[in-house]
Amino acid sequence: MYYWPFKDAAVARRFSEGILKAGLPDASGRYYQVTEVDRLNGEQIAGLVFGRTISGYGLWDDKRWWREFGRDGDVFWRGPPVKEVPWYGPSVEADSGFARVKGDRLCEKWEKMNEGYETCFPVFRYPRGTPGGRDDYLFVTDTGIYPWSLSE
């Protein structure tokens, strides 16, 4: 639904039912049913990530990555070896940066990734997600939808 983000949940549901009926597999990473009701506000985002580690699997390679958020906003990235990911995946195996909440979006600025530009994006709770699937939550960015879960 990244490519067709309908504002009206009923329209999105009818559209997705038609696409699934036409044969698109209902597989993780392809179709996420979220609406504004599932979107976290700034306070919820801060309470969820700061001082914690999150983990997910890359859409580009299905390899695991981690982000460790300090309570003060420092953030550290660990990902798969660069040689194991396609050209459009992350360009580094490890990076550090700073994260903050701006309004109702999480913002990150990395030393190496994204050429050092700050990127901000909404965070959603994914009602159908599971910790085992590493998809309890979603980052919805301009480059895709990234599922993740808390690492405890």
Protein backbone atom coordinates (compact mmCIF):
# COMPACT_ATOMS: atom_id res chain seq x y z
CA MET A 1 0.00 0.00 0.00
CA TYR A 2 3.08 2.25 -0.07
CA TYR A 3 2.36 3.06 -3.71
CA TRP A 4 -1.38 3.62 -3.17
CA PRO A 5 -1.77 5.35 0.22
CA PHE A 6 -5.51 5.93 0.21
CA LYS A 7 -6.71 8.29 2.93
CA ASP A 8 -10.07 6.52 3.24
CA ALA A 9 -9.58 3.11 4.91
CA ALA A 10 -12.69 1.68 3.21
CA VAL A 11 -11.32 2.57 -0.24
CA ALA A 12 -7.93 1.08 0.67
CA ARG A 13 -9.58 -2.11 1.89
CA ARG A 14 -11.68 -2.51 -1.30
CA PHE A 15 -8.64 -1.79 -3.49
CA SER A 16 -6.44 -4.28 -1.64
CA GLU A 17 -9.15 -6.96 -1.68
CA GLY A 18 -9.33 -6.58 -5.46
CA ILE A 19 -5.56 -6.79 -5.86
CA LEU A 20 -5.39 -9.87 -3.64
CA LYS A 21 -8.29 -11.44 -5.55
CA ALA A 22 -6.37 -10.79 -8.76
CA GLY A 23 -3.50 -12.88 -7.45
CA LEU A 24 -1.04 -10.72 -5.50
CA PRO A 25 0.28 -12.89 -2.66
CA ASP A 26 -0.70 -11.70 0.83
CA ALA A 27 2.86 -11.99 2.10
CA SER A 28 4.70 -10.00 4.74
CA GLY A 29 6.52 -7.03 3.28
CA ARG A 30 4.02 -6.56 0.47
CA TYR A 31 0.83 -5.30 2.06
CA TYR A 32 0.51 -3.44 5.34
CA GLN A 33 -2.95 -2.44 6.53
CA VAL A 34 -2.47 0.72 8.59
CA THR A 35 -4.43 3.95 8.89
CA GLU A 36 -4.08 7.19 10.85
CA VAL A 37 -5.52 5.34 13.86
CA ASP A 38 -2.32 3.26 13.93
CA ARG A 39 0.02 6.26 13.65
CA LEU A 40 2.04 7.10 16.77
CA ASN A 41 2.28 10.64 18.03
CA GLY A 42 5.58 12.25 19.03
CA GLU A 43 5.29 11.34 22.70
CA GLN A 44 4.53 7.71 21.86
CA ILE A 45 7.48 7.54 19.44
CA ALA A 46 9.89 8.97 22.02
CA GLY A 47 8.65 6.60 24.73
CA LEU A 48 8.94 3.64 22.40
CA VAL A 49 12.43 4.01 20.92
CA PHE A 50 14.68 6.15 23.11
CA GLY A 51 16.80 4.00 25.41
CA ARG A 52 15.94 0.86 23.45
CA THR A 53 17.10 -1.30 20.56
CA ILE A 54 14.93 -2.11 17.58
CA SER A 55 15.47 -4.65 14.83
CA GLY A 56 14.01 -5.56 11.47
CA TYR A 57 14.78 -7.23 8.18
CA GLY A 58 15.80 -5.27 5.10
CA LEU A 59 13.34 -5.07 2.23
CA TRP A 60 16.31 -5.13 -0.10
CA ASP A 61 17.84 -8.40 1.13
CA ASP A 62 15.80 -9.84 4.03
CA LYS A 63 18.91 -9.52 6.25
CA ARG A 64 18.61 -8.35 9.82
CA TRP A 65 19.52 -4.84 11.00
CA TRP A 66 19.52 -3.10 14.41
CA ARG A 67 19.21 0.47 15.67
CA GLU A 68 20.27 1.23 19.23
CA PHE A 69 18.73 4.48 20.50
CA GLY A 70 20.33 6.21 23.48
CA ARG A 71 18.13 8.15 25.87
CA ASP A 72 19.83 11.38 24.77
CA GLY A 73 19.19 10.83 21.04
CA ASP A 74 22.43 9.13 20.01
CA VAL A 75 21.63 6.27 17.64
CA PHE A 76 23.77 3.44 16.29
CA TRP A 77 23.09 1.29 13.22
CA ARG A 78 24.30 -2.24 12.63
CA GLY A 79 23.46 -4.04 9.43
CA PRO A 80 24.58 -6.84 7.16
CA PRO A 81 27.92 -6.75 5.34
CA VAL A 82 27.65 -4.31 2.43
CA LYS A 83 28.93 -6.92 -0.02
CA GLU A 84 25.83 -9.05 0.78
CA VAL A 85 23.20 -6.43 -0.08
CA PRO A 86 22.06 -5.19 -3.50
CA TRP A 87 23.22 -1.75 -4.67
CA TYR A 88 20.05 -0.07 -3.38
CA GLY A 89 20.49 -1.35 0.19
CA PRO A 90 22.37 0.36 3.01
CA SER A 91 25.82 1.57 2.06
CA VAL A 92 27.45 0.89 5.42
CA GLU A 93 27.60 -1.97 7.92
CA ALA A 94 27.69 0.35 10.93
CA ASP A 95 26.96 4.03 11.47
CA SER A 96 26.22 6.48 14.25
CA GLY A 97 24.05 9.54 14.31
CA PHE A 98 21.41 11.46 16.16
CA ALA A 99 17.65 10.91 16.42
CA ARG A 100 14.93 13.25 17.60
CA VAL A 101 11.19 13.59 17.48
CA LYS A 102 9.90 16.53 15.47
CA GLY A 103 6.13 16.91 15.72
CA ASP A 104 4.75 13.43 15.13
CA ARG A 105 7.72 12.13 13.16
CA LEU A 106 10.99 10.43 14.04
CA CYS A 107 13.99 12.20 12.54
CA GLU A 108 17.44 10.67 12.05
CA LYS A 109 20.70 12.17 10.87
CA TRP A 110 23.50 9.70 10.21
CA GLU A 111 27.20 10.38 9.80
CA LYS A 112 27.46 8.27 6.62
CA MET A 113 24.04 7.04 5.52
CA ASN A 114 21.73 9.33 3.53
CA GLU A 115 24.77 11.50 2.86
CA GLY A 116 24.36 13.06 6.30
CA TYR A 117 20.95 14.56 5.56
CA GLU A 118 18.29 14.45 8.25
CA THR A 119 15.26 12.37 7.28
CA CYS A 120 11.94 12.47 9.14
CA PHE A 121 9.11 9.95 8.87
CA PRO A 122 5.97 8.76 10.64
CA VAL A 123 5.91 5.63 12.77
CA PHE A 124 2.94 3.25 12.78
CA ARG A 125 1.91 0.39 15.03
CA TYR A 126 1.12 -2.54 12.73
CA PRO A 127 -1.94 -4.35 14.18
CA ARG A 128 -1.21 -7.60 12.32
CA GLY A 129 2.49 -7.59 13.22
CA THR A 130 4.30 -9.94 15.58
CA PRO A 131 7.64 -9.80 17.39
CA GLY A 132 8.67 -13.02 15.61
CA GLY A 133 7.94 -11.43 12.27
CA ARG A 134 9.86 -8.31 13.30
CA ASP A 135 6.94 -6.21 12.10
CA ASP A 136 5.14 -4.80 15.18
CA TYR A 137 5.91 -1.29 13.92
CA LEU A 138 6.57 0.42 10.60
CA PHE A 139 8.71 3.35 9.46
CA VAL A 140 7.04 4.87 6.39
CA THR A 141 9.69 6.81 4.49
CA ASP A 142 10.12 8.23 1.01
CA THR A 143 12.08 5.09 0.07
CA GLY A 144 9.70 2.45 1.38
CA ILE A 145 7.98 0.87 4.35
CA TYR A 146 10.34 -0.66 6.91
CA PRO A 147 8.92 -3.15 9.44
CA TRP A 148 10.60 -3.60 12.82
CA SER A 149 10.11 -4.72 16.43
CA LEU A 150 11.64 -3.96 19.80
CA SER A 151 14.65 -6.14 20.67
CA GLU A 152 14.39 -7.18 24.29
